[in-house]
């Protein structure tokens, strides 16, 4: 995050003389506490400063970069996920290409009965098959897609940091957000019926979050 000049001065005062009260900081800057209050709120809410009743403000020891990192670890995928664009497993490659174009997305998620995730189609998959000279109006997407369990997924309660790491590591455009569904509410793999797709996290979702954090939005 980018601090204003006054906020930078406040940080230096607290670093050198903290713990220090808001009234003492205001006196140093020849300002009223009311004028200073928005700056102190921003610095404490961002995690750069900490405050204790009857003690005052003190430096948290965290850099702006560390504060941002902590936020990305705390924000859950459920908070930023968007609606996935899905196609049935019976869909042809031609219909999938049209859907991808109309919806303006980089990935399609292929689902089977009850909305369970079956596979993923990327723009690269589409390009390879369309350049191959095959009849894409008859070719099912199952021939082209990456199938489960080889699809990289994420769950709603994982962190945004984890999502970004998976996207970079596996060089993909988006992750399907899934929720495991058990046959008999069991926890073993034998009891797992499938993964219901409940959203997606893309590079766009993460970029939008960075913009909002840069603007000081929570």
Foldseek 3Di string as FASTA:
>chain_A
DDDDPLLVVVLVCQAVDPPDALCVSCVVVVHDSVVCVVSVVLCVVLPQWDADPPGHIHGNPDDSVRSVVVVQQVAWQLVQFAAAAEDEQQDFLVVVVVSCVVVVDQKYFYAYPPQFTFFMDGPVLSVVVVVVPDDRRRHTCVVRTDGPPVADAAERGGGNVVQVVVCVVVVHFKHFHWDWDFCVPDDDPVRTPGTHGDGMDGPVSVVVVVVCVVVVHD
